[in-house]
Amino acid sequence: MQPAITSPLRPLLGLFLGLAGLGVILSGRIGSGEQAADALPDATQDVLTLAFSVLIESLPFIILGITLSILVQIWLPDQLLFRILPKNAFGRRAVISMLGMFLPVCECGNVPLARGLVSKGYTVSDSMTFLLAAPILNPVTIITTHQAFGFDDGILVARLIGGFLIANLLGWLFSLHPQPMSLLTPAFEKSCQVVPQGVQPTKVQRSVDLFVRESSVLMPALIIGSLVAGLIQVVVSRDTLVQLGSDPLWSVVAMMILAFVISICANVDAFFILPFATTFLPGSIAAFLILGPIIDIKMLALLRTTYRSGTLVQISTVVVLMTAAIGTVVNLIA
């Protein structure tokens, strides 16, 4: 069911807070230029610069994801996507996990799109499978990863297979939940169950309302996630991580920590991690490229707008264990 248009005050407040946060970061970033180099401490300038870079990378994909979500929820015929999917649950999730091939959106943009799938009537496990697989199994990510590594040491293959397996494993596990809607936050669950009454708004009105509501939820989360990611990058020393690069197990752990902290878009993370390839083992590089698009600081902040904290703990546990296993195996056979 499509949610009816609600009072605009609360969504507009969330959107205003998100834009205000963006303004603060932007002002701080401009103020940290050469003319005001002494106005802020170096650490503060670094935090604002890093947060701003994460934000600028992510924001276009958030907007694109909201736009695609509006297209799916409002403009596509209700049964169009359902007709092209297999009836078998495993086959359906396998196909859904490949939808990212046709929707080259970064992980941030996939959050509103996955929210739209649930609102459209897809199961929570189906939308989760798409959400976790799409950032890795999309043409832009595949091309950039191939440009950076080619087929050397199995990094590209490990990333694609690992992303597919993790997404479908989690989709299957959560499909067994007796009350799947309880995995969602109360606010989002309620929005999925609202039944429109009275005179129905036009598609344009619903599109504008949905854009405001989704932006008001996701923008503050993106701001907070970007600031936290920038703060931790300043506090944590990369030199400490690099020293671990030659150990088959600890190199994987180090790269997973780095992926969680750095919070770079999946479409460009291969180029960021490329310089580390001479120091770290292939399995650790693959672990970085698998874990980052699924759970990092920024993504957890965005996912919290949709899933309960307990759900995120379960997702994170499975992703970490599976990624560590895949990275270790690649190190042993590479």
C-alpha atoms as a PDB file:
ATOM      1  CA  MET A   1       0.000   0.000   0.000  1.00  0.00           C
ATOM      2  CA  GLN A   2       1.160   3.532  -0.696  1.00  0.00           C
ATOM      3  CA  PRO A   3       1.301   5.796   2.332  1.00  0.00           C
ATOM      4  CA  ALA A   4      -1.006   8.756   2.291  1.00  0.00           C
ATOM      5  CA  ILE A   5       0.417  12.233   2.379  1.00  0.00           C
ATOM      6  CA  THR A   6       1.058  13.137   6.004  1.00  0.00           C
ATOM      7  CA  SER A   7       1.616  16.428   7.778  1.00  0.00           C
ATOM      8  CA  PRO A   8       4.676  18.032   6.200  1.00  0.00           C
ATOM      9  CA  LEU A   9       6.024  19.559   9.425  1.00  0.00           C
ATOM     10  CA  ARG A  10       7.923  16.556  10.767  1.00  0.00           C
ATOM     11  CA  PRO A  11       9.501  15.492   7.435  1.00  0.00           C
ATOM     12  CA  LEU A  12      10.395  19.113   6.695  1.00  0.00           C
ATOM     13  CA  LEU A  13      12.078  19.371  10.106  1.00  0.00           C
ATOM     14  CA  GLY A  14      14.211  16.317   9.371  1.00  0.00           C
ATOM     15  CA  LEU A  15      15.066  17.675   5.930  1.00  0.00           C
ATOM     16  CA  PHE A  16      15.938  21.062   7.434  1.00  0.00           C
ATOM     17  CA  LEU A  17      18.229  19.442  10.012  1.00  0.00           C
ATOM     18  CA  GLY A  18      19.952  17.441   7.284  1.00  0.00           C
ATOM     19  CA  LEU A  19      20.483  20.523   5.125  1.00  0.00           C
ATOM     20  CA  ALA A  20      21.678  22.468   8.168  1.00  0.00           C
ATOM     21  CA  GLY A  21      24.214  19.741   8.901  1.00  0.00           C
ATOM     22  CA  LEU A  22      25.363  19.852   5.290  1.00  0.00           C
ATOM     23  CA  GLY A  23      25.727  23.624   5.607  1.00  0.00           C
ATOM     24  CA  VAL A  24      27.838  23.289   8.759  1.00  0.00           C
ATOM     25  CA  ILE A  25      30.191  20.785   7.128  1.00  0.00           C
ATOM     26  CA  LEU A  26      30.418  22.857   3.951  1.00  0.00           C
ATOM     27  CA  SER A  27      31.096  26.041   5.917  1.00  0.00           C
ATOM     28  CA  GLY A  28      33.735  24.293   7.972  1.00  0.00           C
ATOM     29  CA  ARG A  29      35.343  22.877   4.856  1.00  0.00           C
ATOM     30  CA  ILE A  30      35.459  26.300   3.182  1.00  0.00           C
ATOM     31  CA  GLY A  31      36.689  27.855   6.391  1.00  0.00           C
ATOM     32  CA  SER A  32      39.553  25.373   6.569  1.00  0.00           C
ATOM     33  CA  GLY A  33      41.109  26.712   3.372  1.00  0.00           C
ATOM     34  CA  GLU A  34      44.379  28.604   3.153  1.00  0.00           C
ATOM     35  CA  GLN A  35      42.908  31.960   4.181  1.00  0.00           C
ATOM     36  CA  ALA A  36      41.595  30.492   7.436  1.00  0.00           C
ATOM     37  CA  ALA A  37      44.204  27.831   8.042  1.00  0.00           C
ATOM     38  CA  ASP A  38      44.707  28.924  11.641  1.00  0.00           C
ATOM     39  CA  ALA A  39      41.008  29.329  12.454  1.00  0.00           C
ATOM     40  CA  LEU A  40      40.511  25.657  13.321  1.00  0.00           C
ATOM     41  CA  PRO A  41      42.798  23.014  14.841  1.00  0.00           C
ATOM     42  CA  ASP A  42      44.430  20.690  12.308  1.00  0.00           C
ATOM     43  CA  ALA A  43      42.508  17.664  13.593  1.00  0.00           C
ATOM     44  CA  THR A  44      39.186  19.489  13.236  1.00  0.00           C
ATOM     45  CA  GLN A  45      40.068  20.546   9.700  1.00  0.00           C
ATOM     46  CA  ASP A  46      40.944  16.941   8.861  1.00  0.00           C
ATOM     47  CA  VAL A  47      37.656  15.651  10.281  1.00  0.00           C
ATOM     48  CA  LEU A  48      35.633  18.191   8.295  1.00  0.00           C
ATOM     49  CA  THR A  49      37.597  17.510   5.104  1.00  0.00           C
ATOM     50  CA  LEU A  50      37.161  13.743   5.373  1.00  0.00           C
ATOM     51  CA  ALA A  51      33.485  14.015   6.329  1.00  0.00           C
ATOM     52  CA  PHE A  52      32.902  16.402   3.426  1.00  0.00           C
ATOM     53  CA  SER A  53      34.563  14.021   0.959  1.00  0.00           C
ATOM     54  CA  VAL A  54      32.425  11.081   2.136  1.00  0.00           C
ATOM     55  CA  LEU A  55      29.327  13.262   1.970  1.00  0.00           C
ATOM     56  CA  ILE A  56      30.027  14.565  -1.528  1.00  0.00           C
ATOM     57  CA  GLU A  57      30.654  11.024  -2.812  1.00  0.00           C
ATOM     58  CA  SER A  58      27.447   9.719  -1.253  1.00  0.00           C
ATOM     59  CA  LEU A  59      24.949  12.539  -1.749  1.00  0.00           C
ATOM     60  CA  PRO A  60      24.400  12.123  -5.527  1.00  0.00           C
ATOM     61  CA  PHE A  61      23.663   8.438  -5.030  1.00  0.00           C
ATOM     62  CA  ILE A  62      21.236   9.165  -2.200  1.00  0.00           C
ATOM     63  CA  ILE A  63      19.312  11.488  -4.519  1.00  0.00           C
ATOM     64  CA  LEU A  64      19.455   8.959  -7.360  1.00  0.00           C
ATOM     65  CA  GLY A  65      18.299   6.200  -5.005  1.00  0.00           C
ATOM     66  CA  ILE A  66      15.347   8.249  -3.772  1.00  0.00           C
ATOM     67  CA  THR A  67      14.423   9.023  -7.380  1.00  0.00           C
ATOM     68  CA  LEU A  68      14.527   5.336  -8.325  1.00  0.00           C
ATOM     69  CA  SER A  69      12.539   4.509  -5.194  1.00  0.00           C
ATOM     70  CA  ILE A  70       9.829   6.974  -6.289  1.00  0.00           C
ATOM     71  CA  LEU A  71       9.828   5.382  -9.745  1.00  0.00           C
ATOM     72  CA  VAL A  72       9.388   1.881  -8.258  1.00  0.00           C
ATOM     73  CA  GLN A  73       6.766   2.825  -5.670  1.00  0.00           C
ATOM     74  CA  ILE A  74       4.586   5.243  -7.618  1.00  0.00           C
ATOM     75  CA  TRP A  75       5.155   5.143 -11.361  1.00  0.00           C
ATOM     76  CA  LEU A  76       5.699   1.456 -12.157  1.00  0.00           C
ATOM     77  CA  PRO A  77       2.607  -0.782 -12.427  1.00  0.00           C
ATOM     78  CA  ASP A  78       2.105  -2.711  -9.205  1.00  0.00           C
ATOM     79  CA  GLN A  79       2.684  -6.167 -10.663  1.00  0.00           C
ATOM     80  CA  LEU A  80       5.386  -5.374 -13.237  1.00  0.00           C
ATOM     81  CA  LEU A  81       8.390  -6.390 -11.141  1.00  0.00           C
ATOM     82  CA  PHE A  82       6.548  -9.317  -9.590  1.00  0.00           C
ATOM     83  CA  ARG A  83       5.770 -10.848 -12.997  1.00  0.00           C
ATOM     84  CA  ILE A  84       9.405 -11.078 -14.068  1.00  0.00           C
ATOM     85  CA  LEU A  85      10.624 -12.820 -10.908  1.00  0.00           C
ATOM     86  CA  PRO A  86      10.739 -16.600 -10.380  1.00  0.00           C
ATOM     87  CA  LYS A  87       8.108 -18.040  -8.047  1.00  0.00           C
ATOM     88  CA  ASN A  88      10.712 -20.132  -6.235  1.00  0.00           C
ATOM     89  CA  ALA A  89      12.045 -18.228  -3.205  1.00  0.00           C
ATOM     90  CA  PHE A  90      15.712 -19.067  -3.815  1.00  0.00           C
ATOM     91  CA  GLY A  91      15.462 -18.229  -7.514  1.00  0.00           C
ATOM     92  CA  ARG A  92      13.592 -15.002  -6.766  1.00  0.00           C
ATOM     93  CA  ARG A  93      16.264 -13.789  -4.358  1.00  0.00           C
ATOM     94  CA  ALA A  94      19.025 -14.807  -6.765  1.00  0.00           C
ATOM     95  CA  VAL A  95      17.439 -12.694  -9.511  1.00  0.00           C
ATOM     96  CA  ILE A  96      16.764  -9.802  -7.125  1.00  0.00           C
ATOM     97  CA  SER A  97      20.401  -9.803  -6.051  1.00  0.00           C
ATOM     98  CA  MET A  98      21.351  -9.272  -9.708  1.00  0.00           C
ATOM     99  CA  LEU A  99      19.075  -6.244 -10.179  1.00  0.00           C
ATOM    100  CA  GLY A 100      22.042  -4.069  -9.349  1.00  0.00           C
ATOM    101  CA  MET A 101      23.351  -4.860 -12.841  1.00  0.00           C
ATOM    102  CA  PHE A 102      20.570  -2.644 -14.193  1.00  0.00           C
ATOM    103  CA  LEU A 103      20.647  -0.056 -11.388  1.00  0.00           C
ATOM    104  CA  PRO A 104      24.235   1.258 -11.114  1.00  0.00           C
ATOM    105  CA  VAL A 105      23.656   2.964  -7.775  1.00  0.00           C
ATOM    106  CA  CYS A 106      26.154   3.142  -4.918  1.00  0.00           C
ATOM    107  CA  GLU A 107      25.291   1.529  -1.578  1.00  0.00           C
ATOM    108  CA  CYS A 108      23.874   4.788  -0.172  1.00  0.00           C
ATOM    109  CA  GLY A 109      21.373   5.106  -2.991  1.00  0.00           C
ATOM    110  CA  ASN A 110      20.243   1.518  -2.587  1.00  0.00           C
ATOM    111  CA  VAL A 111      18.831   2.179   0.893  1.00  0.00           C
ATOM    112  CA  PRO A 112      15.871   4.296  -0.285  1.00  0.00           C
ATOM    113  CA  LEU A 113      15.379   1.939  -3.224  1.00  0.00           C
ATOM    114  CA  ALA A 114      15.225  -1.091  -0.910  1.00  0.00           C
ATOM    115  CA  ARG A 115      12.791   0.799   1.341  1.00  0.00           C
ATOM    116  CA  GLY A 116      10.671   1.374  -1.744  1.00  0.00           C
ATOM    117  CA  LEU A 117      10.634  -2.341  -2.553  1.00  0.00           C
ATOM    118  CA  VAL A 118       9.212  -3.130   0.906  1.00  0.00           C
ATOM    119  CA  SER A 119       6.594  -0.414   0.519  1.00  0.00           C
ATOM    120  CA  LYS A 120       5.734  -1.898  -2.880  1.00  0.00           C
ATOM    121  CA  GLY A 121       4.984  -5.284  -1.341  1.00  0.00           C
ATOM    122  CA  TYR A 122       8.259  -7.199  -1.525  1.00  0.00           C
ATOM    123  CA  THR A 123       9.243  -9.212   1.515  1.00  0.00           C
ATOM    124  CA  VAL A 124      11.834  -7.861   3.929  1.00  0.00           C
ATOM    125  CA  SER A 125      14.228 -10.677   3.006  1.00  0.00           C
ATOM    126  CA  ASP A 126      13.846  -9.976  -0.725  1.00  0.00           C
ATOM    127  CA  SER A 127      14.584  -6.276  -0.313  1.00  0.00           C
ATOM    128  CA  MET A 128      17.491  -7.055   2.009  1.00  0.00           C
ATOM    129  CA  THR A 129      19.000  -9.398  -0.584  1.00  0.00           C
ATOM    130  CA  PHE A 130      18.875  -6.615  -3.160  1.00  0.00           C
ATOM    131  CA  LEU A 131      20.230  -4.041  -0.730  1.00  0.00           C
ATOM    132  CA  LEU A 132      23.295  -6.087   0.208  1.00  0.00           C
ATOM    133  CA  ALA A 133      24.155  -7.398  -3.261  1.00  0.00           C
ATOM    134  CA  ALA A 134      23.453  -4.407  -5.505  1.00  0.00           C
ATOM    135  CA  PRO A 135      26.435  -2.209  -4.486  1.00  0.00           C
ATOM    136  CA  ILE A 136      28.873  -4.962  -5.509  1.00  0.00           C
ATOM    137  CA  LEU A 137      26.982  -6.543  -8.397  1.00  0.00           C
ATOM    138  CA  ASN A 138      26.557  -3.433 -10.484  1.00  0.00           C
ATOM    139  CA  PRO A 139      28.389  -2.541 -13.706  1.00  0.00           C
ATOM    140  CA  VAL A 140      30.192   0.548 -12.374  1.00  0.00           C
ATOM    141  CA  THR A 141      31.667  -1.336  -9.413  1.00  0.00           C
ATOM    142  CA  ILE A 142      32.648  -4.290 -11.599  1.00  0.00           C
ATOM    143  CA  ILE A 143      34.355  -2.050 -14.177  1.00  0.00           C
ATOM    144  CA  THR A 144      36.289  -0.003 -11.599  1.00  0.00           C
ATOM    145  CA  THR A 145      37.395  -3.141  -9.735  1.00  0.00           C
ATOM    146  CA  HIS A 146      38.578  -4.706 -13.007  1.00  0.00           C
ATOM    147  CA  GLN A 147      40.401  -1.501 -13.954  1.00  0.00           C
ATOM    148  CA  ALA A 148      42.214  -1.534 -10.626  1.00  0.00           C
ATOM    149  CA  PHE A 149      43.043  -5.237 -10.293  1.00  0.00           C
ATOM    150  CA  GLY A 150      42.059  -7.064 -13.484  1.00  0.00           C
ATOM    151  CA  PHE A 151      41.787 -10.751 -12.711  1.00  0.00           C
ATOM    152  CA  ASP A 152      45.000 -10.797 -10.676  1.00  0.00           C
ATOM    153  CA  ASP A 153      44.984 -12.971  -7.552  1.00  0.00           C
ATOM    154  CA  GLY A 154      41.233 -13.573  -7.835  1.00  0.00           C
ATOM    155  CA  ILE A 155      40.309 -10.278  -6.135  1.00  0.00           C
ATOM    156  CA  LEU A 156      37.562  -9.350  -8.620  1.00  0.00           C
ATOM    157  CA  VAL A 157      36.085 -12.864  -8.696  1.00  0.00           C
ATOM    158  CA  ALA A 158      36.196 -13.140  -4.892  1.00  0.00           C
ATOM    159  CA  ARG A 159      34.409  -9.807  -4.561  1.00  0.00           C
ATOM    160  CA  LEU A 160      31.582 -10.727  -6.938  1.00  0.00           C
ATOM    161  CA  ILE A 161      31.056 -14.252  -5.598  1.00  0.00           C
ATOM    162  CA  GLY A 162      31.407 -13.090  -1.999  1.00  0.00           C
ATOM    163  CA  GLY A 163      28.850 -10.308  -2.408  1.00  0.00           C
ATOM    164  CA  PHE A 164      26.371 -12.670  -4.076  1.00  0.00           C
ATOM    165  CA  LEU A 165      26.781 -15.410  -1.446  1.00  0.00           C
ATOM    166  CA  ILE A 166      26.532 -13.096   1.562  1.00  0.00           C
ATOM    167  CA  ALA A 167      23.430 -11.320   0.249  1.00  0.00           C
ATOM    168  CA  ASN A 168      21.611 -14.555  -0.567  1.00  0.00           C
ATOM    169  CA  LEU A 169      22.631 -16.210   2.696  1.00  0.00           C
ATOM    170  CA  LEU A 170      21.238 -13.302   4.708  1.00  0.00           C
ATOM    171  CA  GLY A 171      18.136 -13.170   2.526  1.00  0.00           C
ATOM    172  CA  TRP A 172      17.507 -16.861   3.212  1.00  0.00           C
ATOM    173  CA  LEU A 173      18.195 -16.555   6.958  1.00  0.00           C
ATOM    174  CA  PHE A 174      15.795 -13.638   7.408  1.00  0.00           C
ATOM    175  CA  SER A 175      13.164 -15.324   5.236  1.00  0.00           C
ATOM    176  CA  LEU A 176      12.893 -17.873   8.077  1.00  0.00           C
ATOM    177  CA  HIS A 177      11.890 -15.177  10.572  1.00  0.00           C
ATOM    178  CA  PRO A 178       8.315 -15.761  11.808  1.00  0.00           C
ATOM    179  CA  GLN A 179       7.534 -12.017  11.905  1.00  0.00           C
ATOM    180  CA  PRO A 180       9.705 -10.355   9.249  1.00  0.00           C
ATOM    181  CA  MET A 181       8.072  -6.925   9.594  1.00  0.00           C
ATOM    182  CA  SER A 182       9.356  -6.810  13.175  1.00  0.00           C
ATOM    183  CA  LEU A 183      12.868  -6.552  11.720  1.00  0.00           C
ATOM    184  CA  LEU A 184      12.024  -3.011  10.610  1.00  0.00           C
ATOM    185  CA  THR A 185      12.007   0.119  12.739  1.00  0.00           C
ATOM    186  CA  PRO A 186       8.541   0.910  14.132  1.00  0.00           C
ATOM    187  CA  ALA A 187       8.368   4.144  12.125  1.00  0.00           C
ATOM    188  CA  PHE A 188       9.168   2.493   8.798  1.00  0.00           C
ATOM    189  CA  GLU A 189       6.961  -0.515   9.518  1.00  0.00           C
ATOM    190  CA  LYS A 190       4.069   1.850  10.251  1.00  0.00           C
ATOM    191  CA  SER A 191       4.646   3.768   7.020  1.00  0.00           C
ATOM    192  CA  CYS A 192       4.402   0.515   5.037  1.00  0.00           C
ATOM    193  CA  GLN A 193       1.027  -0.296   6.580  1.00  0.00           C
ATOM    194  CA  VAL A 194      -0.740   3.054   6.106  1.00  0.00           C
ATOM    195  CA  VAL A 195      -3.907   2.682   4.054  1.00  0.00           C
ATOM    196  CA  PRO A 196      -4.828   5.738   1.970  1.00  0.00           C
ATOM    197  CA  GLN A 197      -8.301   7.107   2.668  1.00  0.00           C
ATOM    198  CA  GLY A 198     -10.476   9.755   1.055  1.00  0.00           C
ATOM    199  CA  VAL A 199      -9.431  11.660  -2.056  1.00  0.00           C
ATOM    200  CA  GLN A 200      -6.184  10.246  -3.392  1.00  0.00           C
ATOM    201  CA  PRO A 201      -3.355  12.641  -4.309  1.00  0.00           C
ATOM    202  CA  THR A 202      -1.925  12.700  -7.821  1.00  0.00           C
ATOM    203  CA  LYS A 203       1.249  10.803  -8.683  1.00  0.00           C
ATOM    204  CA  VAL A 204       3.186  14.057  -8.813  1.00  0.00           C
ATOM    205  CA  GLN A 205       1.974  15.039  -5.339  1.00  0.00           C
ATOM    206  CA  ARG A 206       2.838  11.603  -3.972  1.00  0.00           C
ATOM    207  CA  SER A 207       6.277  11.796  -5.612  1.00  0.00           C
ATOM    208  CA  VAL A 208       7.054  15.154  -4.013  1.00  0.00           C
ATOM    209  CA  ASP A 209       5.772  13.971  -0.630  1.00  0.00           C
ATOM    210  CA  LEU A 210       7.834  10.770  -0.824  1.00  0.00           C
ATOM    211  CA  PHE A 211      10.976  12.677  -1.817  1.00  0.00           C
ATOM    212  CA  VAL A 212      10.598  14.999   1.181  1.00  0.00           C
ATOM    213  CA  ARG A 213       9.912  12.135   3.607  1.00  0.00           C
ATOM    214  CA  GLU A 214      12.777   9.932   2.405  1.00  0.00           C
ATOM    215  CA  SER A 215      15.191  12.886   2.355  1.00  0.00           C
ATOM    216  CA  SER A 216      14.163  13.881   5.881  1.00  0.00           C
ATOM    217  CA  VAL A 217      14.999  10.363   7.127  1.00  0.00           C
ATOM    218  CA  LEU A 218      18.179   9.676   5.179  1.00  0.00           C
ATOM    219  CA  MET A 219      19.902  13.080   5.101  1.00  0.00           C
ATOM    220  CA  PRO A 220      20.466  13.418   8.886  1.00  0.00           C
ATOM    221  CA  ALA A 221      21.709   9.807   9.005  1.00  0.00           C
ATOM    222  CA  LEU A 222      24.136  10.495   6.166  1.00  0.00           C
ATOM    223  CA  ILE A 223      25.443  13.637   7.892  1.00  0.00           C
ATOM    224  CA  ILE A 224      26.021  11.807  11.189  1.00  0.00           C
ATOM    225  CA  GLY A 225      27.626   8.808   9.481  1.00  0.00           C
ATOM    226  CA  SER A 226      29.974  11.041   7.471  1.00  0.00           C
ATOM    227  CA  LEU A 227      31.082  12.972  10.564  1.00  0.00           C
ATOM    228  CA  VAL A 228      31.731   9.784  12.550  1.00  0.00           C
ATOM    229  CA  ALA A 229      33.670   8.273   9.631  1.00  0.00           C
ATOM    230  CA  GLY A 230      35.801  11.405   9.364  1.00  0.00           C
ATOM    231  CA  LEU A 231      36.442  11.480  13.119  1.00  0.00           C
ATOM    232  CA  ILE A 232      37.571   7.861  13.308  1.00  0.00           C
ATOM    233  CA  GLN A 233      39.842   8.238  10.279  1.00  0.00           C
ATOM    234  CA  VAL A 234      41.697  10.995  12.116  1.00  0.00           C
ATOM    235  CA  VAL A 235      41.974   9.014  15.356  1.00  0.00           C
ATOM    236  CA  VAL A 236      43.029   5.643  13.897  1.00  0.00           C
ATOM    237  CA  SER A 237      46.572   5.380  12.527  1.00  0.00           C
ATOM    238  CA  ARG A 238      46.822   3.709   9.131  1.00  0.00           C
ATOM    239  CA  ASP A 239      50.458   2.820   9.846  1.00  0.00           C
ATOM    240  CA  THR A 240      49.229   0.433  12.532  1.00  0.00           C
ATOM    241  CA  LEU A 241      47.080  -1.353   9.987  1.00  0.00           C
ATOM    242  CA  VAL A 242      49.787  -1.514   7.332  1.00  0.00           C
ATOM    243  CA  GLN A 243      52.138  -3.338   9.720  1.00  0.00           C
ATOM    244  CA  LEU A 244      49.639  -6.215   9.786  1.00  0.00           C
ATOM    245  CA  GLY A 245      49.468  -6.602   6.000  1.00  0.00           C
ATOM    246  CA  SER A 246      51.627  -9.694   5.607  1.00  0.00           C
ATOM    247  CA  ASP A 247      49.738 -11.953   8.029  1.00  0.00           C
ATOM    248  CA  PRO A 248      47.094 -14.180   6.325  1.00  0.00           C
ATOM    249  CA  LEU A 249      44.553 -13.687   9.132  1.00  0.00           C
ATOM    250  CA  TRP A 250      45.366 -10.336  10.700  1.00  0.00           C
ATOM    251  CA  SER A 251      45.715  -8.655   7.310  1.00  0.00           C
ATOM    252  CA  VAL A 252      42.086  -9.603   6.628  1.00  0.00           C
ATOM    253  CA  VAL A 253      40.998  -8.239  10.008  1.00  0.00           C
ATOM    254  CA  ALA A 254      42.965  -5.026   9.434  1.00  0.00           C
ATOM    255  CA  MET A 255      41.427  -4.425   6.014  1.00  0.00           C
ATOM    256  CA  MET A 256      37.933  -5.114   7.344  1.00  0.00           C
ATOM    257  CA  ILE A 257      38.491  -2.511  10.062  1.00  0.00           C
ATOM    258  CA  LEU A 258      39.777  -0.076   7.459  1.00  0.00           C
ATOM    259  CA  ALA A 259      36.741  -0.699   5.234  1.00  0.00           C
ATOM    260  CA  PHE A 260      34.420  -0.075   8.175  1.00  0.00           C
ATOM    261  CA  VAL A 261      36.157   3.182   9.080  1.00  0.00           C
ATOM    262  CA  ILE A 262      36.926   4.717   5.686  1.00  0.00           C
ATOM    263  CA  SER A 263      33.346   4.476   4.352  1.00  0.00           C
ATOM    264  CA  ILE A 264      34.121   5.009   0.667  1.00  0.00           C
ATOM    265  CA  CYS A 265      31.567   4.521  -2.110  1.00  0.00           C
ATOM    266  CA  ALA A 266      31.682   1.043  -3.687  1.00  0.00           C
ATOM    267  CA  ASN A 267      32.057   2.572  -7.138  1.00  0.00           C
ATOM    268  CA  VAL A 268      35.479   4.018  -6.309  1.00  0.00           C
ATOM    269  CA  ASP A 269      36.803   2.016  -3.361  1.00  0.00           C
ATOM    270  CA  ALA A 270      38.932  -0.225  -5.623  1.00  0.00           C
ATOM    271  CA  PHE A 271      41.101   2.745  -6.598  1.00  0.00           C
ATOM    272  CA  PHE A 272      41.422   3.845  -2.974  1.00  0.00           C
ATOM    273  CA  ILE A 273      42.686   0.446  -1.816  1.00  0.00           C
ATOM    274  CA  LEU A 274      44.926  -0.174  -4.846  1.00  0.00           C
ATOM    275  CA  PRO A 275      48.063   1.339  -3.232  1.00  0.00           C
ATOM    276  CA  PHE A 276      47.691  -1.124  -0.348  1.00  0.00           C
ATOM    277  CA  ALA A 277      47.871  -4.079  -2.761  1.00  0.00           C
ATOM    278  CA  THR A 278      51.681  -4.048  -2.635  1.00  0.00           C
ATOM    279  CA  THR A 279      51.631  -4.381   1.164  1.00  0.00           C
ATOM    280  CA  PHE A 280      48.554  -6.459   1.923  1.00  0.00           C
ATOM    281  CA  LEU A 281      47.700  -9.979   0.791  1.00  0.00           C
ATOM    282  CA  PRO A 282      45.012 -10.458  -1.933  1.00  0.00           C
ATOM    283  CA  GLY A 283      42.467 -11.944   0.473  1.00  0.00           C
ATOM    284  CA  SER A 284      42.627  -8.879   2.687  1.00  0.00           C
ATOM    285  CA  ILE A 285      42.048  -6.603  -0.313  1.00  0.00           C
ATOM    286  CA  ALA A 286      39.054  -8.746  -1.303  1.00  0.00           C
ATOM    287  CA  ALA A 287      37.744  -8.527   2.278  1.00  0.00           C
ATOM    288  CA  PHE A 288      37.966  -4.717   2.139  1.00  0.00           C
ATOM    289  CA  LEU A 289      36.048  -4.644  -1.142  1.00  0.00           C
ATOM    290  CA  ILE A 290      33.342  -7.021   0.130  1.00  0.00           C
ATOM    291  CA  LEU A 291      32.738  -5.618   3.608  1.00  0.00           C
ATOM    292  CA  GLY A 292      32.819  -1.886   2.863  1.00  0.00           C
ATOM    293  CA  PRO A 293      29.748  -1.655   0.607  1.00  0.00           C
ATOM    294  CA  ILE A 294      27.662  -3.771   2.997  1.00  0.00           C
ATOM    295  CA  ILE A 295      28.497  -2.471   6.468  1.00  0.00           C
ATOM    296  CA  ASP A 296      30.589   0.571   7.231  1.00  0.00           C
ATOM    297  CA  ILE A 297      29.958   3.496   9.549  1.00  0.00           C
ATOM    298  CA  LYS A 298      28.013   5.465   6.975  1.00  0.00           C
ATOM    299  CA  MET A 299      25.922   2.483   5.868  1.00  0.00           C
ATOM    300  CA  LEU A 300      25.017   1.464   9.414  1.00  0.00           C
ATOM    301  CA  ALA A 301      23.729   4.984  10.060  1.00  0.00           C
ATOM    302  CA  LEU A 302      21.587   4.747   6.925  1.00  0.00           C
ATOM    303  CA  LEU A 303      20.425   1.186   7.607  1.00  0.00           C
ATOM    304  CA  ARG A 304      19.310   2.243  11.092  1.00  0.00           C
ATOM    305  CA  THR A 305      16.586   4.312   9.391  1.00  0.00           C
ATOM    306  CA  THR A 306      15.025   1.052   8.195  1.00  0.00           C
ATOM    307  CA  TYR A 307      16.119  -1.848  10.423  1.00  0.00           C
ATOM    308  CA  ARG A 308      16.046  -2.280  14.184  1.00  0.00           C
ATOM    309  CA  SER A 309      19.358  -2.331  16.071  1.00  0.00           C
ATOM    310  CA  GLY A 310      19.031  -6.059  16.746  1.00  0.00           C
ATOM    311  CA  THR A 311      18.593  -6.729  13.042  1.00  0.00           C
ATOM    312  CA  LEU A 312      21.732  -4.740  12.254  1.00  0.00           C
ATOM    313  CA  VAL A 313      23.717  -6.697  14.840  1.00  0.00           C
ATOM    314  CA  GLN A 314      22.653  -9.962  13.195  1.00  0.00           C
ATOM    315  CA  ILE A 315      23.431  -8.676   9.692  1.00  0.00           C
ATOM    316  CA  SER A 316      26.827  -7.359  10.786  1.00  0.00           C
ATOM    317  CA  THR A 317      27.768 -10.608  12.523  1.00  0.00           C
ATOM    318  CA  VAL A 318      27.040 -12.742   9.452  1.00  0.00           C
ATOM    319  CA  VAL A 319      28.762 -10.291   7.086  1.00  0.00           C
ATOM    320  CA  VAL A 320      31.907 -10.080   9.239  1.00  0.00           C
ATOM    321  CA  LEU A 321      32.219 -13.856   9.647  1.00  0.00           C
ATOM    322  CA  MET A 322      31.559 -14.582   5.964  1.00  0.00           C
ATOM    323  CA  THR A 323      33.939 -11.861   4.785  1.00  0.00           C
ATOM    324  CA  ALA A 324      36.696 -13.059   7.109  1.00  0.00           C
ATOM    325  CA  ALA A 325      36.249 -16.621   5.858  1.00  0.00           C
ATOM    326  CA  ILE A 326      36.324 -15.577   2.177  1.00  0.00           C
ATOM    327  CA  GLY A 327      39.389 -13.362   2.679  1.00  0.00           C
ATOM    328  CA  THR A 328      41.276 -16.053   4.557  1.00  0.00           C
ATOM    329  CA  VAL A 329      40.514 -18.679   1.884  1.00  0.00           C
ATOM    330  CA  VAL A 330      41.728 -16.337  -0.859  1.00  0.00           C
ATOM    331  CA  ASN A 331      44.956 -15.727   1.079  1.00  0.00           C
ATOM    332  CA  LEU A 332      45.548 -19.450   1.448  1.00  0.00           C
ATOM    333  CA  ILE A 333      45.019 -20.285  -2.232  1.00  0.00           C
ATOM    334  CA  ALA A 334      46.386 -17.131  -3.906  1.00  0.00           C
END
